[in-house]
Amino acid sequence: MKNKEIQIEEIWNDKKKEGLKEFIASNSTMQSKERILTTKLLSIQYKLEDYIQEKNEDEILKILDFVKMYLKALNLTKKKLANYFEMRDSNLQKYLSGERRLNAELVLKLSAFSNTKPEHWYRVQLKNELIELKKEKEKIVNYQKYDYRNLVEI
């Protein structure tokens, strides 16, 4: 008796993929609203973590982009979030868009609001600043004058 090797097509083909899609669709309708929301929030958290770890520098996602994802999932407005954070909407907008650097208080509020680690928000900000800096190579050249060798005679 000869053993036949199982082919990947026998396990994973279009018919089985379609069956899996139908299974997911039918089971997703049975989930509670709370479970659906939890899944959406986890999805955003994973996107945030992936963005931080990703080496791709072509796509820049601002903190505002992630906050908008949370607001959409929770059916909230940015104005309502600003009120909840006890700050003006225009002030919050400046932090989220990157016009102002995040401060510890806002990071802790974002972290508590989204149930994510505070350092994730700082890492998004830092990654974006480094990407922008790499794009502006002339700025790097301007800072070469601060090389310690220009200050100390060797």
N, C-alpha and C. Protein backbone atom coordinates (compact mmCIF):
# COMPACT_ATOMS: atom_id res chain seq x y z
N MET A 1 0.85 -1.18 0.00
CA MET A 1 0.00 0.00 0.00
C MET A 1 0.89 1.23 0.00
N LYS A 2 0.63 2.09 -0.93
CA LYS A 2 1.44 3.28 -1.10
C LYS A 2 0.75 4.47 -0.43
N ASN A 3 1.52 5.20 0.39
CA ASN A 3 0.97 6.40 1.04
C ASN A 3 0.93 7.54 0.04
N LYS A 4 -0.20 8.15 -0.06
CA LYS A 4 -0.35 9.29 -0.96
C LYS A 4 -0.12 10.55 -0.14
N GLU A 5 0.72 11.41 -0.66
CA GLU A 5 1.00 12.68 0.01
C GLU A 5 -0.19 13.62 -0.18
N ILE A 6 -0.60 14.24 0.91
CA ILE A 6 -1.72 15.18 0.85
C ILE A 6 -1.25 16.47 0.21
N GLN A 7 -2.00 16.94 -0.72
CA GLN A 7 -1.68 18.18 -1.42
C GLN A 7 -2.40 19.35 -0.74
N ILE A 8 -1.78 20.50 -0.77
CA ILE A 8 -2.34 21.69 -0.12
C ILE A 8 -3.71 22.03 -0.71
N GLU A 9 -3.89 21.78 -2.01
CA GLU A 9 -5.16 22.07 -2.67
C GLU A 9 -6.30 21.23 -2.10
N GLU A 10 -5.97 20.05 -1.58
CA GLU A 10 -7.00 19.19 -1.00
C GLU A 10 -7.51 19.74 0.33
N ILE A 11 -6.66 20.48 1.00
CA ILE A 11 -7.02 21.03 2.31
C ILE A 11 -7.58 22.44 2.17
N TRP A 12 -6.96 23.23 1.34
CA TRP A 12 -7.30 24.64 1.27
C TRP A 12 -7.57 25.02 -0.18
N ASN A 13 -8.83 24.97 -0.57
CA ASN A 13 -9.20 25.33 -1.93
C ASN A 13 -10.34 26.35 -1.88
N ASP A 14 -10.76 26.80 -3.05
CA ASP A 14 -11.79 27.84 -3.11
C ASP A 14 -13.10 27.42 -2.44
N LYS A 15 -13.47 26.18 -2.61
CA LYS A 15 -14.71 25.68 -2.01
C LYS A 15 -14.63 25.73 -0.48
N LYS A 16 -13.49 25.32 0.06
CA LYS A 16 -13.32 25.33 1.52
C LYS A 16 -13.20 26.77 2.04
N LYS A 17 -12.56 27.63 1.28
CA LYS A 17 -12.47 29.04 1.69
C LYS A 17 -13.86 29.66 1.75
N GLU A 18 -14.69 29.36 0.75
CA GLU A 18 -16.04 29.89 0.73
C GLU A 18 -16.85 29.36 1.91
N GLY A 19 -16.67 28.08 2.22
CA GLY A 19 -17.36 27.50 3.37
C GLY A 19 -16.94 28.15 4.67
N LEU A 20 -15.66 28.47 4.78
CA LEU A 20 -15.16 29.15 5.98
C LEU A 20 -15.75 30.55 6.08
N LYS A 21 -15.83 31.27 4.97
CA LYS A 21 -16.42 32.61 4.97
C LYS A 21 -17.88 32.55 5.43
N GLU A 22 -18.62 31.58 4.93
CA GLU A 22 -20.02 31.43 5.33
C GLU A 22 -20.14 31.12 6.82
N PHE A 23 -19.26 30.27 7.31
CA PHE A 23 -19.25 29.92 8.73
C PHE A 23 -18.99 31.15 9.59
N ILE A 24 -17.99 31.94 9.19
CA ILE A 24 -17.65 33.16 9.95
C ILE A 24 -18.82 34.14 9.92
N ALA A 25 -19.39 34.33 8.75
CA ALA A 25 -20.51 35.26 8.62
C ALA A 25 -21.70 34.84 9.47
N SER A 26 -22.03 33.55 9.46
CA SER A 26 -23.19 33.10 10.24
C SER A 26 -22.92 33.18 11.74
N ASN A 27 -21.70 32.89 12.15
CA ASN A 27 -21.39 32.97 13.59
C ASN A 27 -21.21 34.40 14.08
N SER A 28 -20.77 35.29 13.19
CA SER A 28 -20.58 36.67 13.63
C SER A 28 -21.91 37.34 13.94
N THR A 29 -22.98 36.93 13.29
CA THR A 29 -24.29 37.52 13.57
C THR A 29 -24.82 37.11 14.94
N MET A 30 -24.27 36.04 15.50
CA MET A 30 -24.72 35.57 16.81
C MET A 30 -23.94 36.21 17.97
N GLN A 31 -22.92 37.01 17.64
CA GLN A 31 -22.13 37.65 18.69
C GLN A 31 -22.91 38.80 19.32
N SER A 32 -22.65 39.00 20.61
CA SER A 32 -23.29 40.13 21.30
C SER A 32 -22.63 41.43 20.84
N LYS A 33 -23.33 42.54 21.06
CA LYS A 33 -22.77 43.85 20.70
C LYS A 33 -21.46 44.10 21.46
N GLU A 34 -21.44 43.67 22.72
CA GLU A 34 -20.23 43.85 23.53
C GLU A 34 -19.06 43.07 22.94
N ARG A 35 -19.31 41.86 22.48
CA ARG A 35 -18.25 41.02 21.90
C ARG A 35 -17.75 41.63 20.59
N ILE A 36 -18.68 42.14 19.78
CA ILE A 36 -18.29 42.78 18.52
C ILE A 36 -17.43 44.00 18.79
N LEU A 37 -17.83 44.81 19.78
CA LEU A 37 -17.05 45.99 20.14
C LEU A 37 -15.67 45.60 20.65
N THR A 38 -15.60 44.61 21.50
CA THR A 38 -14.31 44.14 22.02
C THR A 38 -13.39 43.71 20.88
N THR A 39 -13.95 43.02 19.90
CA THR A 39 -13.16 42.58 18.75
C THR A 39 -12.65 43.77 17.95
N LYS A 40 -13.51 44.77 17.74
CA LYS A 40 -13.09 45.97 17.00
C LYS A 40 -11.97 46.69 17.74
N LEU A 41 -12.11 46.83 19.06
CA LEU A 41 -11.09 47.53 19.84
C LEU A 41 -9.77 46.78 19.84
N LEU A 42 -9.84 45.47 19.94
CA LEU A 42 -8.61 44.67 19.86
C LEU A 42 -7.94 44.81 18.50
N SER A 43 -8.75 44.86 17.46
CA SER A 43 -8.23 45.03 16.11
C SER A 43 -7.44 46.34 15.99
N ILE A 44 -7.98 47.41 16.57
CA ILE A 44 -7.29 48.70 16.54
C ILE A 44 -5.99 48.62 17.33
N GLN A 45 -6.06 47.98 18.49
CA GLN A 45 -4.86 47.84 19.31
C GLN A 45 -3.78 47.08 18.55
N TYR A 46 -4.15 46.03 17.83
CA TYR A 46 -3.18 45.26 17.05
C TYR A 46 -2.61 46.10 15.91
N LYS A 47 -3.44 46.93 15.28
CA LYS A 47 -2.96 47.84 14.23
C LYS A 47 -1.94 48.81 14.80
N LEU A 48 -2.22 49.31 15.99
CA LEU A 48 -1.30 50.23 16.66
C LEU A 48 0.04 49.55 16.93
N GLU A 49 0.00 48.36 17.48
CA GLU A 49 1.22 47.62 17.79
C GLU A 49 1.98 47.25 16.51
N ASP A 50 1.25 46.84 15.48
CA ASP A 50 1.89 46.50 14.20
C ASP A 50 2.57 47.72 13.60
N TYR A 51 1.90 48.86 13.67
CA TYR A 51 2.46 50.08 13.11
C TYR A 51 3.78 50.44 13.79
N ILE A 52 3.82 50.29 15.09
CA ILE A 52 5.03 50.62 15.85
C ILE A 52 6.18 49.72 15.42
N GLN A 53 5.91 48.44 15.23
CA GLN A 53 6.96 47.47 14.92
C GLN A 53 7.32 47.42 13.45
N GLU A 54 6.43 47.89 12.60
CA GLU A 54 6.62 47.82 11.15
C GLU A 54 7.79 48.68 10.70
N LYS A 55 8.57 48.16 9.78
CA LYS A 55 9.71 48.90 9.25
C LYS A 55 9.31 49.81 8.09
N ASN A 56 8.12 49.59 7.54
CA ASN A 56 7.65 50.36 6.40
C ASN A 56 7.52 51.84 6.79
N GLU A 57 8.18 52.70 6.03
CA GLU A 57 8.14 54.12 6.32
C GLU A 57 7.37 54.90 5.26
N ASP A 58 6.70 54.18 4.36
CA ASP A 58 5.94 54.84 3.31
C ASP A 58 4.63 55.40 3.84
N GLU A 59 4.01 54.67 4.74
CA GLU A 59 2.72 55.08 5.28
C GLU A 59 2.90 55.63 6.70
N ILE A 60 2.49 56.86 6.88
CA ILE A 60 2.56 57.47 8.21
C ILE A 60 1.15 57.53 8.77
N LEU A 61 0.96 56.89 9.91
CA LEU A 61 -0.31 56.97 10.63
C LEU A 61 -0.09 57.84 11.86
N LYS A 62 -0.85 58.89 11.95
CA LYS A 62 -0.72 59.79 13.09
C LYS A 62 -1.53 59.24 14.26
N ILE A 63 -1.27 59.79 15.40
CA ILE A 63 -2.02 59.43 16.59
C ILE A 63 -3.50 59.70 16.34
N LEU A 64 -3.76 60.77 15.63
CA LEU A 64 -5.13 61.13 15.27
C LEU A 64 -5.81 60.00 14.50
N ASP A 65 -5.09 59.34 13.61
CA ASP A 65 -5.67 58.24 12.84
C ASP A 65 -6.14 57.11 13.75
N PHE A 66 -5.32 56.78 14.73
CA PHE A 66 -5.70 55.71 15.65
C PHE A 66 -6.85 56.13 16.56
N VAL A 67 -6.82 57.37 17.02
CA VAL A 67 -7.92 57.86 17.87
C VAL A 67 -9.22 57.88 17.08
N LYS A 68 -9.15 58.26 15.80
CA LYS A 68 -10.36 58.24 14.96
C LYS A 68 -10.92 56.83 14.84
N MET A 69 -10.03 55.84 14.76
CA MET A 69 -10.50 54.45 14.69
C MET A 69 -11.27 54.08 15.95
N TYR A 70 -10.72 54.48 17.10
CA TYR A 70 -11.41 54.20 18.37
C TYR A 70 -12.74 54.94 18.44
N LEU A 71 -12.74 56.20 18.03
CA LEU A 71 -13.98 56.98 18.08
C LEU A 71 -15.05 56.38 17.18
N LYS A 72 -14.65 55.94 16.00
CA LYS A 72 -15.61 55.32 15.08
C LYS A 72 -16.18 54.04 15.69
N ALA A 73 -15.31 53.21 16.25
CA ALA A 73 -15.76 51.95 16.85
C ALA A 73 -16.71 52.20 18.01
N LEU A 74 -16.46 53.26 18.76
CA LEU A 74 -17.27 53.58 19.94
C LEU A 74 -18.42 54.53 19.63
N ASN A 75 -18.50 54.97 18.38
CA ASN A 75 -19.54 55.90 17.95
C ASN A 75 -19.51 57.18 18.78
N LEU A 76 -18.32 57.75 18.90
CA LEU A 76 -18.11 58.99 19.65
C LEU A 76 -17.53 60.06 18.72
N THR A 77 -17.62 61.30 19.15
CA THR A 77 -17.01 62.40 18.40
C THR A 77 -15.74 62.84 19.12
N LYS A 78 -14.90 63.52 18.37
CA LYS A 78 -13.66 64.04 18.96
C LYS A 78 -13.99 65.11 19.99
N LYS A 79 -15.03 65.87 19.74
CA LYS A 79 -15.45 66.90 20.69
C LYS A 79 -15.87 66.26 22.02
N LYS A 80 -16.60 65.17 21.94
CA LYS A 80 -17.03 64.48 23.16
C LYS A 80 -15.81 63.92 23.90
N LEU A 81 -14.84 63.41 23.15
CA LEU A 81 -13.61 62.90 23.78
C LEU A 81 -12.85 64.04 24.45
N ALA A 82 -12.77 65.17 23.79
CA ALA A 82 -12.08 66.33 24.38
C ALA A 82 -12.75 66.74 25.69
N ASN A 83 -14.06 66.79 25.70
CA ASN A 83 -14.78 67.11 26.93
C ASN A 83 -14.50 66.08 28.02
N TYR A 84 -14.50 64.82 27.62
CA TYR A 84 -14.23 63.73 28.55
C TYR A 84 -12.82 63.84 29.13
N PHE A 85 -11.87 64.28 28.29
CA PHE A 85 -10.48 64.47 28.73
C PHE A 85 -10.27 65.81 29.42
N GLU A 86 -11.36 66.58 29.56
CA GLU A 86 -11.33 67.89 30.23
C GLU A 86 -10.38 68.86 29.54
N MET A 87 -10.53 68.95 28.21
CA MET A 87 -9.72 69.89 27.44
C MET A 87 -10.53 70.39 26.24
N ARG A 88 -10.06 71.47 25.64
CA ARG A 88 -10.74 72.02 24.47
C ARG A 88 -10.47 71.13 23.26
N ASP A 89 -11.45 71.06 22.38
CA ASP A 89 -11.36 70.26 21.17
C ASP A 89 -10.17 70.70 20.31
N SER A 90 -9.97 72.01 20.17
CA SER A 90 -8.87 72.52 19.35
C SER A 90 -7.52 72.15 19.94
N ASN A 91 -7.44 72.13 21.25
CA ASN A 91 -6.20 71.76 21.92
C ASN A 91 -5.90 70.27 21.71
N LEU A 92 -6.91 69.44 21.87
CA LEU A 92 -6.74 68.01 21.65
C LEU A 92 -6.32 67.75 20.21
N GLN A 93 -6.95 68.46 19.28
CA GLN A 93 -6.63 68.30 17.85
C GLN A 93 -5.14 68.55 17.59
N LYS A 94 -4.58 69.56 18.22
CA LYS A 94 -3.16 69.89 18.01
C LYS A 94 -2.25 68.76 18.49
N TYR A 95 -2.60 68.13 19.59
CA TYR A 95 -1.81 67.00 20.07
C TYR A 95 -1.95 65.79 19.16
N LEU A 96 -3.17 65.49 18.78
CA LEU A 96 -3.43 64.29 18.00
C LEU A 96 -2.88 64.38 16.58
N SER A 97 -2.86 65.59 16.03
CA SER A 97 -2.37 65.76 14.66
C SER A 97 -0.85 65.86 14.59
N GLY A 98 -0.20 66.01 15.75
CA GLY A 98 1.26 66.10 15.77
C GLY A 98 1.77 67.53 15.78
N GLU A 99 0.86 68.49 15.77
CA GLU A 99 1.28 69.89 15.82
C GLU A 99 1.98 70.20 17.16
N ARG A 100 1.50 69.53 18.21
CA ARG A 100 2.14 69.62 19.53
C ARG A 100 2.57 68.22 19.93
N ARG A 101 3.66 68.17 20.69
CA ARG A 101 4.14 66.88 21.20
C ARG A 101 3.25 66.41 22.34
N LEU A 102 3.05 65.11 22.40
CA LEU A 102 2.26 64.54 23.48
C LEU A 102 2.90 64.83 24.83
N ASN A 103 2.07 64.99 25.84
CA ASN A 103 2.59 65.11 27.20
C ASN A 103 2.11 63.89 28.00
N ALA A 104 2.71 63.70 29.15
CA ALA A 104 2.41 62.51 29.95
C ALA A 104 0.94 62.42 30.33
N GLU A 105 0.33 63.55 30.67
CA GLU A 105 -1.07 63.54 31.09
C GLU A 105 -1.98 63.03 29.97
N LEU A 106 -1.77 63.55 28.76
CA LEU A 106 -2.61 63.12 27.64
C LEU A 106 -2.33 61.66 27.28
N VAL A 107 -1.09 61.25 27.34
CA VAL A 107 -0.75 59.86 27.05
C VAL A 107 -1.45 58.92 28.02
N LEU A 108 -1.47 59.28 29.29
CA LEU A 108 -2.14 58.45 30.29
C LEU A 108 -3.65 58.41 30.05
N LYS A 109 -4.23 59.53 29.62
CA LYS A 109 -5.65 59.55 29.30
C LYS A 109 -5.95 58.67 28.09
N LEU A 110 -5.13 58.80 27.04
CA LEU A 110 -5.32 57.97 25.84
C LEU A 110 -5.16 56.49 26.17
N SER A 111 -4.19 56.21 27.01
CA SER A 111 -3.91 54.83 27.40
C SER A 111 -5.09 54.24 28.18
N ALA A 112 -5.62 54.99 29.13
CA ALA A 112 -6.76 54.52 29.91
C ALA A 112 -8.00 54.38 29.02
N PHE A 113 -8.20 55.35 28.13
CA PHE A 113 -9.35 55.34 27.23
C PHE A 113 -9.34 54.11 26.31
N SER A 114 -8.16 53.79 25.77
CA SER A 114 -8.05 52.73 24.77
C SER A 114 -7.59 51.39 25.33
N ASN A 115 -7.30 51.37 26.63
CA ASN A 115 -6.77 50.15 27.27
C ASN A 115 -5.51 49.64 26.57
N THR A 116 -4.62 50.58 26.27
CA THR A 116 -3.34 50.24 25.66
C THR A 116 -2.22 50.74 26.57
N LYS A 117 -1.02 50.33 26.29
CA LYS A 117 0.12 50.76 27.08
C LYS A 117 0.47 52.21 26.72
N PRO A 118 0.81 53.02 27.72
CA PRO A 118 1.16 54.42 27.43
C PRO A 118 2.32 54.55 26.45
N GLU A 119 3.28 53.65 26.55
CA GLU A 119 4.45 53.77 25.68
C GLU A 119 4.11 53.59 24.21
N HIS A 120 2.99 52.94 23.90
CA HIS A 120 2.58 52.79 22.50
C HIS A 120 2.34 54.15 21.85
N TRP A 121 1.70 55.04 22.59
CA TRP A 121 1.39 56.36 22.03
C TRP A 121 2.67 57.16 21.80
N TYR A 122 3.60 57.07 22.74
CA TYR A 122 4.89 57.75 22.56
C TYR A 122 5.66 57.16 21.38
N ARG A 123 5.58 55.85 21.21
CA ARG A 123 6.31 55.20 20.12
C ARG A 123 5.75 55.60 18.76
N VAL A 124 4.45 55.77 18.66
CA VAL A 124 3.87 56.25 17.40
C VAL A 124 4.42 57.64 17.09
N GLN A 125 4.41 58.51 18.09
CA GLN A 125 4.91 59.87 17.91
C GLN A 125 6.38 59.85 17.50
N LEU A 126 7.20 59.06 18.19
CA LEU A 126 8.63 59.00 17.90
C LEU A 126 8.90 58.42 16.52
N LYS A 127 8.20 57.36 16.17
CA LYS A 127 8.38 56.77 14.84
C LYS A 127 8.08 57.80 13.76
N ASN A 128 6.99 58.53 13.91
CA ASN A 128 6.61 59.52 12.91
C ASN A 128 7.63 60.66 12.83
N GLU A 129 8.16 61.08 13.96
CA GLU A 129 9.17 62.13 13.96
C GLU A 129 10.44 61.66 13.26
N LEU A 130 10.84 60.42 13.49
CA LEU A 130 12.04 59.89 12.84
C LEU A 130 11.84 59.74 11.33
N ILE A 131 10.66 59.33 10.92
CA ILE A 131 10.37 59.23 9.49
C ILE A 131 10.46 60.60 8.84
N GLU A 132 9.87 61.59 9.48
CA GLU A 132 9.93 62.96 8.94
C GLU A 132 11.36 63.47 8.89
N LEU A 133 12.13 63.16 9.91
CA LEU A 133 13.52 63.61 9.96
C LEU A 133 14.33 62.98 8.83
N LYS A 134 14.12 61.71 8.56
CA LYS A 134 14.83 61.04 7.46
C LYS A 134 14.48 61.64 6.12
N LYS A 135 13.25 62.13 5.99
CA LYS A 135 12.82 62.75 4.74
C LYS A 135 13.48 64.10 4.54
N GLU A 136 13.87 64.72 5.62
CA GLU A 136 14.48 66.04 5.54
C GLU A 136 15.97 65.93 5.83
N LYS A 137 16.68 65.31 4.91
CA LYS A 137 18.10 65.03 5.11
C LYS A 137 18.93 66.29 5.29
N GLU A 138 18.50 67.40 4.70
CA GLU A 138 19.27 68.64 4.86
C GLU A 138 19.32 69.09 6.31
N LYS A 139 18.28 68.76 7.07
CA LYS A 139 18.31 69.09 8.50
C LYS A 139 19.40 68.32 9.21
N ILE A 140 19.58 67.06 8.83
CA ILE A 140 20.62 66.24 9.46
C ILE A 140 21.99 66.85 9.19
N VAL A 141 22.21 67.31 7.98
CA VAL A 141 23.49 67.93 7.63
C VAL A 141 23.72 69.17 8.49
N ASN A 142 22.67 69.95 8.74
CA ASN A 142 22.81 71.16 9.56
C ASN A 142 23.25 70.84 10.99
N TYR A 143 22.93 69.66 11.47
CA TYR A 143 23.27 69.30 12.84
C TYR A 143 24.66 68.68 12.96
N GLN A 144 25.32 68.46 11.85
CA GLN A 144 26.67 67.91 11.90
C GLN A 144 27.63 68.87 12.58
N LYS A 145 27.30 70.14 12.62
CA LYS A 145 28.16 71.11 13.28
C LYS A 145 28.24 70.87 14.79
N TYR A 146 27.33 70.06 15.33
CA TYR A 146 27.33 69.76 16.76
C TYR A 146 28.11 68.51 17.10
N ASP A 147 28.82 67.96 16.16
CA ASP A 147 29.67 66.79 16.40
C ASP A 147 30.70 67.17 17.47
N TYR A 148 30.89 66.32 18.45
CA TYR A 148 31.81 66.61 19.55
C TYR A 148 33.22 66.93 19.07
N ARG A 149 33.60 66.39 17.92
CA ARG A 149 34.95 66.62 17.42
C ARG A 149 35.16 68.08 17.05
N ASN A 150 34.10 68.81 16.77
CA ASN A 150 34.22 70.23 16.47
C ASN A 150 34.41 71.05 17.74
N LEU A 151 34.11 70.48 18.87
CA LEU A 151 34.22 71.17 20.15
C LEU A 151 35.54 70.84 20.86
N VAL A 152 35.95 69.62 20.72
CA VAL A 152 37.13 69.12 21.43
C VAL A 152 38.26 68.89 20.44
N GLU A 153 39.42 69.37 20.78
CA GLU A 153 40.58 69.10 19.92
C GLU A 153 41.16 67.76 20.28
N ILE A 154 41.36 66.94 19.25
CA ILE A 154 41.88 65.60 19.49
C ILE A 154 43.34 65.56 19.08
